[in-house]
Amino acid sequence: MNLTLDKLPVGRSARIAAVGGQGALRRHLLDMGLTPKTVVMVRKIAPMGDPIELHLRGYELTLRLEDAKNITLEEVDG
């Protein structure tokens, strides 16, 4: 499955396979807890389609679609 976080449907979960981006952007994503092997779920999408609300590590995180495109996902087992 070659899926990025911006394409994950609402209510679906997946595991982060890789975090892309360069420099400060990549560091910011990692600092927010978006690290490889973390399971994320899309909770909501804003009315205009951007940003998206995620659930990960027991908290909610809002992320712009442009940033979500840098996160590659893999299917969650089970």
PDB file of N, CA and C in Angstrom:
ATOM      1  N   MET A   1       0.849  -1.169   0.000  1.00  0.00           N
ATOM      2  CA  MET A   1       0.000   0.000   0.000  1.00  0.00           C
ATOM      3  C   MET A   1       0.899   1.238   0.000  1.00  0.00           C
ATOM      4  N   ASN A   2       0.791   2.048  -1.021  1.00  0.00           N
ATOM      5  CA  ASN A   2       1.571   3.286  -1.104  1.00  0.00           C
ATOM      6  C   ASN A   2       0.630   4.452  -0.837  1.00  0.00           C
ATOM      7  N   LEU A   3       0.412   4.748   0.440  1.00  0.00           N
ATOM      8  CA  LEU A   3      -0.580   5.715   0.864  1.00  0.00           C
ATOM      9  C   LEU A   3       0.084   6.801   1.688  1.00  0.00           C
ATOM     10  N   THR A   4      -0.346   8.038   1.491  1.00  0.00           N
ATOM     11  CA  THR A   4       0.140   9.121   2.331  1.00  0.00           C
ATOM     12  C   THR A   4      -0.997   9.580   3.246  1.00  0.00           C
ATOM     13  N   LEU A   5      -0.638  10.231   4.328  1.00  0.00           N
ATOM     14  CA  LEU A   5      -1.602  10.592   5.359  1.00  0.00           C
ATOM     15  C   LEU A   5      -2.731  11.487   4.838  1.00  0.00           C
ATOM     16  N   ASP A   6      -2.457  12.306   3.849  1.00  0.00           N
ATOM     17  CA  ASP A   6      -3.503  13.179   3.305  1.00  0.00           C
ATOM     18  C   ASP A   6      -4.594  12.404   2.567  1.00  0.00           C
ATOM     19  N   LYS A   7      -4.342  11.140   2.199  1.00  0.00           N
ATOM     20  CA  LYS A   7      -5.317  10.311   1.472  1.00  0.00           C
ATOM     21  C   LYS A   7      -6.043   9.300   2.370  1.00  0.00           C
ATOM     22  N   LEU A   8      -5.685   9.229   3.644  1.00  0.00           N
ATOM     23  CA  LEU A   8      -6.317   8.265   4.548  1.00  0.00           C
ATOM     24  C   LEU A   8      -7.753   8.700   4.849  1.00  0.00           C
ATOM     25  N   PRO A   9      -8.730   7.806   4.627  1.00  0.00           N
ATOM     26  CA  PRO A   9     -10.140   8.180   4.857  1.00  0.00           C
ATOM     27  C   PRO A   9     -10.457   8.370   6.349  1.00  0.00           C
ATOM     28  N   VAL A  10     -11.481   9.143   6.634  1.00  0.00           N
ATOM     29  CA  VAL A  10     -11.936   9.362   8.011  1.00  0.00           C
ATOM     30  C   VAL A  10     -12.311   8.020   8.634  1.00  0.00           C
ATOM     31  N   GLY A  11     -11.877   7.808   9.874  1.00  0.00           N
ATOM     32  CA  GLY A  11     -12.191   6.582  10.603  1.00  0.00           C
ATOM     33  C   GLY A  11     -11.212   5.451  10.388  1.00  0.00           C
ATOM     34  N   ARG A  12     -10.327   5.559   9.412  1.00  0.00           N
ATOM     35  CA  ARG A  12      -9.342   4.506   9.140  1.00  0.00           C
ATOM     36  C   ARG A  12      -8.058   4.768   9.905  1.00  0.00           C
ATOM     37  N   SER A  13      -7.400   3.691  10.292  1.00  0.00           N
ATOM     38  CA  SER A  13      -6.108   3.772  10.970  1.00  0.00           C
ATOM     39  C   SER A  13      -5.028   3.182  10.091  1.00  0.00           C
ATOM     40  N   ALA A  14      -3.817   3.676  10.262  1.00  0.00           N
ATOM     41  CA  ALA A  14      -2.652   3.143   9.555  1.00  0.00           C
ATOM     42  C   ALA A  14      -1.415   3.452  10.395  1.00  0.00           C
ATOM     43  N   ARG A  15      -0.339   2.764  10.075  1.00  0.00           N
ATOM     44  CA  ARG A  15       0.931   2.952  10.778  1.00  0.00           C
ATOM     45  C   ARG A  15       1.849   3.807   9.917  1.00  0.00           C
ATOM     46  N   ILE A  16       2.547   4.738  10.539  1.00  0.00           N
ATOM     47  CA  ILE A  16       3.493   5.582   9.813  1.00  0.00           C
ATOM     48  C   ILE A  16       4.699   4.735   9.407  1.00  0.00           C
ATOM     49  N   ALA A  17       5.002   4.741   8.111  1.00  0.00           N
ATOM     50  CA  ALA A  17       6.151   4.006   7.589  1.00  0.00           C
ATOM     51  C   ALA A  17       7.366   4.918   7.476  1.00  0.00           C
ATOM     52  N   ALA A  18       7.145   6.166   7.057  1.00  0.00           N
ATOM     53  CA  ALA A  18       8.258   7.104   6.873  1.00  0.00           C
ATOM     54  C   ALA A  18       7.749   8.535   6.965  1.00  0.00           C
ATOM     55  N   VAL A  19       8.626   9.401   7.457  1.00  0.00           N
ATOM     56  CA  VAL A  19       8.324  10.829   7.536  1.00  0.00           C
ATOM     57  C   VAL A  19       9.286  11.546   6.608  1.00  0.00           C
ATOM     58  N   GLY A  20       8.720  12.194   5.592  1.00  0.00           N
ATOM     59  CA  GLY A  20       9.535  12.921   4.631  1.00  0.00           C
ATOM     60  C   GLY A  20       9.650  14.379   5.010  1.00  0.00           C
ATOM     61  N   GLY A  21       9.923  15.198   4.015  1.00  0.00           N
ATOM     62  CA  GLY A  21      10.102  16.623   4.269  1.00  0.00           C
ATOM     63  C   GLY A  21      11.574  16.927   4.497  1.00  0.00           C
ATOM     64  N   GLN A  22      11.874  18.202   4.558  1.00  0.00           N
ATOM     65  CA  GLN A  22      13.254  18.638   4.716  1.00  0.00           C
ATOM     66  C   GLN A  22      13.414  19.510   5.950  1.00  0.00           C
ATOM     67  N   GLY A  23      14.536  19.409   6.594  1.00  0.00           N
ATOM     68  CA  GLY A  23      14.929  20.320   7.663  1.00  0.00           C
ATOM     69  C   GLY A  23      13.903  20.548   8.744  1.00  0.00           C
ATOM     70  N   ALA A  24      13.520  21.834   8.913  1.00  0.00           N
ATOM     71  CA  ALA A  24      12.630  22.232  10.002  1.00  0.00           C
ATOM     72  C   ALA A  24      11.260  21.570   9.904  1.00  0.00           C
ATOM     73  N   LEU A  25      10.742  21.377   8.688  1.00  0.00           N
ATOM     74  CA  LEU A  25       9.436  20.734   8.537  1.00  0.00           C
ATOM     75  C   LEU A  25       9.482  19.308   9.069  1.00  0.00           C
ATOM     76  N   ARG A  26      10.476  18.538   8.658  1.00  0.00           N
ATOM     77  CA  ARG A  26      10.589  17.150   9.114  1.00  0.00           C
ATOM     78  C   ARG A  26      10.756  17.098  10.638  1.00  0.00           C
ATOM     79  N   ARG A  27      11.601  17.954  11.185  1.00  0.00           N
ATOM     80  CA  ARG A  27      11.822  18.003  12.631  1.00  0.00           C
ATOM     81  C   ARG A  27      10.519  18.328  13.355  1.00  0.00           C
ATOM     82  N   HIS A  28       9.744  19.261  12.819  1.00  0.00           N
ATOM     83  CA  HIS A  28       8.471  19.648  13.422  1.00  0.00           C
ATOM     84  C   HIS A  28       7.494  18.473  13.436  1.00  0.00           C
ATOM     85  N   LEU A  29       7.397  17.755  12.331  1.00  0.00           N
ATOM     86  CA  LEU A  29       6.513  16.590  12.271  1.00  0.00           C
ATOM     87  C   LEU A  29       6.926  15.534  13.292  1.00  0.00           C
ATOM     88  N   LEU A  30       8.208  15.266  13.384  1.00  0.00           N
ATOM     89  CA  LEU A  30       8.706  14.283  14.354  1.00  0.00           C
ATOM     90  C   LEU A  30       8.451  14.748  15.783  1.00  0.00           C
ATOM     91  N   ASP A  31       8.663  16.030  16.052  1.00  0.00           N
ATOM     92  CA  ASP A  31       8.432  16.578  17.396  1.00  0.00           C
ATOM     93  C   ASP A  31       6.969  16.484  17.820  1.00  0.00           C
ATOM     94  N   MET A  32       6.051  16.515  16.851  1.00  0.00           N
ATOM     95  CA  MET A  32       4.620  16.403  17.156  1.00  0.00           C
ATOM     96  C   MET A  32       4.205  14.954  17.419  1.00  0.00           C
ATOM     97  N   GLY A  33       5.136  14.019  17.328  1.00  0.00           N
ATOM     98  CA  GLY A  33       4.824  12.622  17.604  1.00  0.00           C
ATOM     99  C   GLY A  33       4.558  11.791  16.370  1.00  0.00           C
ATOM    100  N   LEU A  34       4.710  12.379  15.198  1.00  0.00           N
ATOM    101  CA  LEU A  34       4.485  11.658  13.941  1.00  0.00           C
ATOM    102  C   LEU A  34       5.778  10.941  13.562  1.00  0.00           C
ATOM    103  N   THR A  35       6.031   9.845  14.264  1.00  0.00           N
ATOM    104  CA  THR A  35       7.266   9.088  14.062  1.00  0.00           C
ATOM    105  C   THR A  35       6.954   7.721  13.460  1.00  0.00           C
ATOM    106  N   PRO A  36       7.927   7.119  12.760  1.00  0.00           N
ATOM    107  CA  PRO A  36       7.694   5.788  12.190  1.00  0.00           C
ATOM    108  C   PRO A  36       7.215   4.793  13.245  1.00  0.00           C
ATOM    109  N   LYS A  37       6.319   3.905  12.827  1.00  0.00           N
ATOM    110  CA  LYS A  37       5.696   2.844  13.619  1.00  0.00           C
ATOM    111  C   LYS A  37       4.561   3.330  14.511  1.00  0.00           C
ATOM    112  N   THR A  38       4.244   4.627  14.501  1.00  0.00           N
ATOM    113  CA  THR A  38       3.124   5.163  15.270  1.00  0.00           C
ATOM    114  C   THR A  38       1.828   4.944  14.488  1.00  0.00           C
ATOM    115  N   VAL A  39       0.786   4.469  15.167  1.00  0.00           N
ATOM    116  CA  VAL A  39      -0.515   4.273  14.531  1.00  0.00           C
ATOM    117  C   VAL A  39      -1.303   5.580  14.631  1.00  0.00           C
ATOM    118  N   VAL A  40      -1.846   6.021  13.496  1.00  0.00           N
ATOM    119  CA  VAL A  40      -2.648   7.245  13.444  1.00  0.00           C
ATOM    120  C   VAL A  40      -4.019   6.940  12.854  1.00  0.00           C
ATOM    121  N   MET A  41      -5.019   7.718  13.275  1.00  0.00           N
ATOM    122  CA  MET A  41      -6.359   7.594  12.722  1.00  0.00           C
ATOM    123  C   MET A  41      -6.857   8.985  12.372  1.00  0.00           C
ATOM    124  N   VAL A  42      -7.486   9.121  11.219  1.00  0.00           N
ATOM    125  CA  VAL A  42      -8.098  10.394  10.837  1.00  0.00           C
ATOM    126  C   VAL A  42      -9.459  10.476  11.526  1.00  0.00           C
ATOM    127  N   ARG A  43      -9.631  11.503  12.383  1.00  0.00           N
ATOM    128  CA  ARG A  43     -10.889  11.689  13.109  1.00  0.00           C
ATOM    129  C   ARG A  43     -11.871  12.547  12.339  1.00  0.00           C
ATOM    130  N   LYS A  44     -11.387  13.665  11.783  1.00  0.00           N
ATOM    131  CA  LYS A  44     -12.275  14.604  11.084  1.00  0.00           C
ATOM    132  C   LYS A  44     -11.494  15.325   9.995  1.00  0.00           C
ATOM    133  N   ILE A  45     -12.254  15.851   9.056  1.00  0.00           N
ATOM    134  CA  ILE A  45     -11.696  16.738   8.037  1.00  0.00           C
ATOM    135  C   ILE A  45     -12.482  18.044   8.127  1.00  0.00           C
ATOM    136  N   ALA A  46     -11.791  19.161   8.113  1.00  0.00           N
ATOM    137  CA  ALA A  46     -12.444  20.466   8.195  1.00  0.00           C
ATOM    138  C   ALA A  46     -13.431  20.637   7.031  1.00  0.00           C
ATOM    139  N   PRO A  47     -14.447  21.470   7.211  1.00  0.00           N
ATOM    140  CA  PRO A  47     -15.465  21.658   6.162  1.00  0.00           C
ATOM    141  C   PRO A  47     -14.901  22.007   4.786  1.00  0.00           C
ATOM    142  N   MET A  48     -13.842  22.757   4.721  1.00  0.00           N
ATOM    143  CA  MET A  48     -13.240  23.110   3.434  1.00  0.00           C
ATOM    144  C   MET A  48     -12.181  22.093   2.996  1.00  0.00           C
ATOM    145  N   GLY A  49     -12.024  21.002   3.765  1.00  0.00           N
ATOM    146  CA  GLY A  49     -11.101  19.939   3.396  1.00  0.00           C
ATOM    147  C   GLY A  49      -9.704  20.050   3.978  1.00  0.00           C
ATOM    148  N   ASP A  50      -9.403  21.141   4.648  1.00  0.00           N
ATOM    149  CA  ASP A  50      -8.063  21.340   5.211  1.00  0.00           C
ATOM    150  C   ASP A  50      -8.191  22.234   6.428  1.00  0.00           C
ATOM    151  N   PRO A  51      -7.704  21.878   7.599  1.00  0.00           N
ATOM    152  CA  PRO A  51      -6.812  20.770   7.921  1.00  0.00           C
ATOM    153  C   PRO A  51      -7.580  19.495   8.274  1.00  0.00           C
ATOM    154  N   ILE A  52      -6.818  18.472   8.675  1.00  0.00           N
ATOM    155  CA  ILE A  52      -7.405  17.220   9.149  1.00  0.00           C
ATOM    156  C   ILE A  52      -7.071  17.050  10.624  1.00  0.00           C
ATOM    157  N   GLU A  53      -7.957  16.361  11.344  1.00  0.00           N
ATOM    158  CA  GLU A  53      -7.708  16.080  12.754  1.00  0.00           C
ATOM    159  C   GLU A  53      -7.348  14.607  12.891  1.00  0.00           C
ATOM    160  N   LEU A  54      -6.243  14.352  13.568  1.00  0.00           N
ATOM    161  CA  LEU A  54      -5.733  13.000  13.755  1.00  0.00           C
ATOM    162  C   LEU A  54      -5.823  12.593  15.214  1.00  0.00           C
ATOM    163  N   HIS A  55      -5.896  11.291  15.445  1.00  0.00           N
ATOM    164  CA  HIS A  55      -5.778  10.736  16.791  1.00  0.00           C
ATOM    165  C   HIS A  55      -4.546   9.842  16.788  1.00  0.00           C
ATOM    166  N   LEU A  56      -3.603  10.140  17.671  1.00  0.00           N
ATOM    167  CA  LEU A  56      -2.405   9.320  17.808  1.00  0.00           C
ATOM    168  C   LEU A  56      -1.861   9.455  19.214  1.00  0.00           C
ATOM    169  N   ARG A  57      -1.264   8.414  19.709  1.00  0.00           N
ATOM    170  CA  ARG A  57      -0.610   8.423  21.033  1.00  0.00           C
ATOM    171  C   ARG A  57      -1.510   8.970  22.145  1.00  0.00           C
ATOM    172  N   GLY A  58      -2.823   8.792  22.017  1.00  0.00           N
ATOM    173  CA  GLY A  58      -3.747   9.224  23.057  1.00  0.00           C
ATOM    174  C   GLY A  58      -4.140  10.689  23.009  1.00  0.00           C
ATOM    175  N   TYR A  59      -3.801  11.407  21.952  1.00  0.00           N
ATOM    176  CA  TYR A  59      -4.195  12.813  21.838  1.00  0.00           C
ATOM    177  C   TYR A  59      -4.626  13.144  20.419  1.00  0.00           C
ATOM    178  N   GLU A  60      -5.220  14.326  20.270  1.00  0.00           N
ATOM    179  CA  GLU A  60      -5.687  14.805  18.968  1.00  0.00           C
ATOM    180  C   GLU A  60      -4.671  15.794  18.415  1.00  0.00           C
ATOM    181  N   LEU A  61      -4.454  15.743  17.118  1.00  0.00           N
ATOM    182  CA  LEU A  61      -3.505  16.632  16.455  1.00  0.00           C
ATOM    183  C   LEU A  61      -4.129  17.125  15.163  1.00  0.00           C
ATOM    184  N   THR A  62      -4.057  18.413  14.919  1.00  0.00           N
ATOM    185  CA  THR A  62      -4.551  18.985  13.674  1.00  0.00           C
ATOM    186  C   THR A  62      -3.366  19.248  12.767  1.00  0.00           C
ATOM    187  N   LEU A  63      -3.496  18.827  11.509  1.00  0.00           N
ATOM    188  CA  LEU A  63      -2.379  18.905  10.574  1.00  0.00           C
ATOM    189  C   LEU A  63      -2.868  19.383   9.210  1.00  0.00           C
ATOM    190  N   ARG A  64      -2.105  20.266   8.597  1.00  0.00           N
ATOM    191  CA  ARG A  64      -2.448  20.733   7.250  1.00  0.00           C
ATOM    192  C   ARG A  64      -2.226  19.605   6.245  1.00  0.00           C
ATOM    193  N   LEU A  65      -3.037  19.570   5.204  1.00  0.00           N
ATOM    194  CA  LEU A  65      -2.901  18.541   4.168  1.00  0.00           C
ATOM    195  C   LEU A  65      -1.525  18.605   3.510  1.00  0.00           C
ATOM    196  N   GLU A  66      -1.019  19.810   3.310  1.00  0.00           N
ATOM    197  CA  GLU A  66       0.297  19.962   2.680  1.00  0.00           C
ATOM    198  C   GLU A  66       1.381  19.256   3.482  1.00  0.00           C
ATOM    199  N   ASP A  67       1.284  19.296   4.815  1.00  0.00           N
ATOM    200  CA  ASP A  67       2.243  18.604   5.669  1.00  0.00           C
ATOM    201  C   ASP A  67       1.970  17.100   5.701  1.00  0.00           C
ATOM    202  N   ALA A  68       0.677  16.721   5.664  1.00  0.00           N
ATOM    203  CA  ALA A  68       0.298  15.307   5.708  1.00  0.00           C
ATOM    204  C   ALA A  68       0.811  14.538   4.490  1.00  0.00           C
ATOM    205  N   LYS A  69       1.013  15.228   3.371  1.00  0.00           N
ATOM    206  CA  LYS A  69       1.531  14.579   2.157  1.00  0.00           C
ATOM    207  C   LYS A  69       2.936  14.028   2.341  1.00  0.00           C
ATOM    208  N   ASN A  70       3.653  14.499   3.356  1.00  0.00           N
ATOM    209  CA  ASN A  70       5.025  14.060   3.605  1.00  0.00           C
ATOM    210  C   ASN A  70       5.116  12.782   4.436  1.00  0.00           C
ATOM    211  N   ILE A  71       3.963  12.253   4.864  1.00  0.00           N
ATOM    212  CA  ILE A  71       3.959  11.084   5.744  1.00  0.00           C
ATOM    213  C   ILE A  71       3.417   9.871   4.994  1.00  0.00           C
ATOM    214  N   THR A  72       4.267   8.876   4.837  1.00  0.00           N
ATOM    215  CA  THR A  72       3.911   7.638   4.135  1.00  0.00           C
ATOM    216  C   THR A  72       3.412   6.624   5.157  1.00  0.00           C
ATOM    217  N   LEU A  73       2.338   5.923   4.787  1.00  0.00           N
ATOM    218  CA  LEU A  73       1.694   4.979   5.710  1.00  0.00           C
ATOM    219  C   LEU A  73       1.773   3.540   5.224  1.00  0.00           C
ATOM    220  N   GLU A  74       1.545   2.626   6.148  1.00  0.00           N
ATOM    221  CA  GLU A  74       1.386   1.205   5.835  1.00  0.00           C
ATOM    222  C   GLU A  74       0.185   0.693   6.601  1.00  0.00           C
ATOM    223  N   GLU A  75      -0.395  -0.395   6.130  1.00  0.00           N
ATOM    224  CA  GLU A  75      -1.583  -0.946   6.754  1.00  0.00           C
ATOM    225  C   GLU A  75      -1.294  -1.441   8.175  1.00  0.00           C
ATOM    226  N   VAL A  76      -2.309  -1.338   9.026  1.00  0.00           N
ATOM    227  CA  VAL A  76      -2.209  -1.857  10.397  1.00  0.00           C
ATOM    228  C   VAL A  76      -2.641  -3.318  10.362  1.00  0.00           C
ATOM    229  N   ASP A  77      -1.865  -4.202  10.975  1.00  0.00           N
ATOM    230  CA  ASP A  77      -2.224  -5.626  11.029  1.00  0.00           C
ATOM    231  C   ASP A  77      -3.460  -5.813  11.886  1.00  0.00           C
ATOM    232  N   GLY A  78      -4.340  -6.696  11.407  1.00  0.00           N
ATOM    233  CA  GLY A  78      -5.534  -7.023  12.171  1.00  0.00           C
ATOM    234  C   GLY A  78      -6.598  -6.071  11.882  1.00  0.00           C
TER     235      GLY A  78
END
